[in-house]
Protein backbone atom coordinates (compact mmCIF):
# COMPACT_ATOMS: atom_id res chain seq x y z
CA MET A 1 16.63 63.99 56.22
CA THR A 2 14.63 64.32 53.07
CA THR A 3 10.94 63.53 52.82
CA ASP A 4 11.64 60.07 51.42
CA GLY A 5 13.68 59.11 54.48
CA ALA A 6 17.07 59.39 52.79
CA ARG A 7 19.79 61.50 54.37
CA PRO A 8 21.18 64.35 52.24
CA GLU A 9 24.61 62.69 52.18
CA ASP A 10 22.98 59.60 50.61
CA HIS A 11 21.98 61.54 47.49
CA GLY A 12 23.13 59.59 44.43
CA LYS A 13 24.15 56.54 46.47
CA ILE A 14 22.58 53.16 45.82
CA HIS A 15 22.37 50.48 48.50
CA ILE A 16 22.67 46.88 47.35
CA THR A 17 23.30 43.47 48.88
CA ILE A 18 25.81 40.91 47.60
CA ASP A 19 25.85 37.50 49.30
CA GLY A 20 23.98 38.97 52.28
CA ARG A 21 26.44 41.85 52.79
CA ARG A 22 25.36 45.46 52.28
CA PHE A 23 27.29 47.75 49.95
CA THR A 24 26.83 51.31 48.74
CA VAL A 25 27.67 52.32 45.18
CA GLU A 26 27.40 55.58 43.29
CA GLY A 27 25.73 55.70 39.91
CA HIS A 28 23.46 53.18 38.23
CA GLU A 29 25.80 51.45 35.78
CA HIS A 30 28.36 48.95 37.02
CA THR A 31 29.90 45.85 35.51
CA ALA A 32 29.50 42.46 37.11
CA ALA A 33 33.27 42.44 37.68
CA GLU A 34 33.13 45.75 39.57
CA LEU A 35 30.37 44.54 41.87
CA LEU A 36 32.05 41.18 42.46
CA GLY A 37 35.21 43.09 43.34
CA LEU A 38 33.29 44.99 46.03
CA ALA A 39 32.50 41.64 47.60
CA GLY A 40 36.13 40.53 47.34
CA LEU A 41 35.48 38.07 44.53
CA SER A 42 37.10 37.69 41.11
CA ALA A 43 35.05 37.78 37.91
CA ASP A 44 37.37 35.00 36.68
CA GLY A 45 35.75 32.54 39.06
CA TYR A 46 32.28 33.96 39.66
CA ASP A 47 29.20 35.29 37.91
CA LEU A 48 26.80 37.70 39.58
CA THR A 49 23.08 36.94 39.78
CA ARG A 50 20.37 39.49 40.64
CA VAL A 51 17.47 37.94 42.54
CA GLY A 52 14.16 39.75 42.03
CA GLU A 53 11.35 40.22 44.54
CA HIS A 54 9.37 37.34 43.04
CA GLY A 55 12.27 34.92 42.70
CA GLN A 56 13.20 35.77 39.12
CA VAL A 57 16.94 35.69 38.46
CA GLU A 58 19.22 37.41 35.97
CA THR A 59 22.88 36.40 35.69
CA PHE A 60 25.68 38.71 34.57
CA ARG A 61 29.24 37.87 33.52
CA ASP A 62 32.50 39.81 33.64
CA GLN A 63 32.14 43.11 31.79
CA GLN A 64 28.37 43.00 31.35
CA VAL A 65 26.92 46.31 32.48
CA ILE A 66 24.19 46.12 35.12
CA ASP A 67 21.62 48.90 35.64
CA VAL A 68 21.76 48.83 39.44
CA LYS A 69 18.74 49.94 41.45
CA ASN A 70 18.48 50.78 45.14
CA GLY A 71 17.70 47.65 47.13
CA ASP A 72 18.95 45.17 44.50
CA VAL A 73 19.92 41.78 45.89
CA PHE A 74 22.76 39.88 44.25
CA VAL A 75 24.37 36.51 44.89
CA SER A 76 27.69 35.25 43.56
CA VAL A 77 27.66 32.06 41.54
CA ASN A 78 30.82 29.93 41.37
CA GLN A 79 31.69 29.19 37.72
CA GLN A 80 33.44 25.93 38.66
CA GLY A 81 32.58 23.48 35.92
CA THR A 82 31.76 19.86 36.32
CA VAL A 83 34.25 17.18 35.34
CA ALA A 84 33.07 14.42 33.02
């Protein structure tokens, strides 16, 4: 273990949560589609929203690049439109 509590094999890995499920990614830049794919969802039907510590939200679509940080919490948002 390192002094910050991380294991040596965790070096460079980032732990995130999508819809309450934990995932590990490598590197800081990922598209919304890539992260949705980890959770088994299609970017065609969903957007990805990052929920901050104080309730602030930021929504990403398809090929938007997200600067992912360790501990980020994301939720999927169904793009289903309303019918008039």
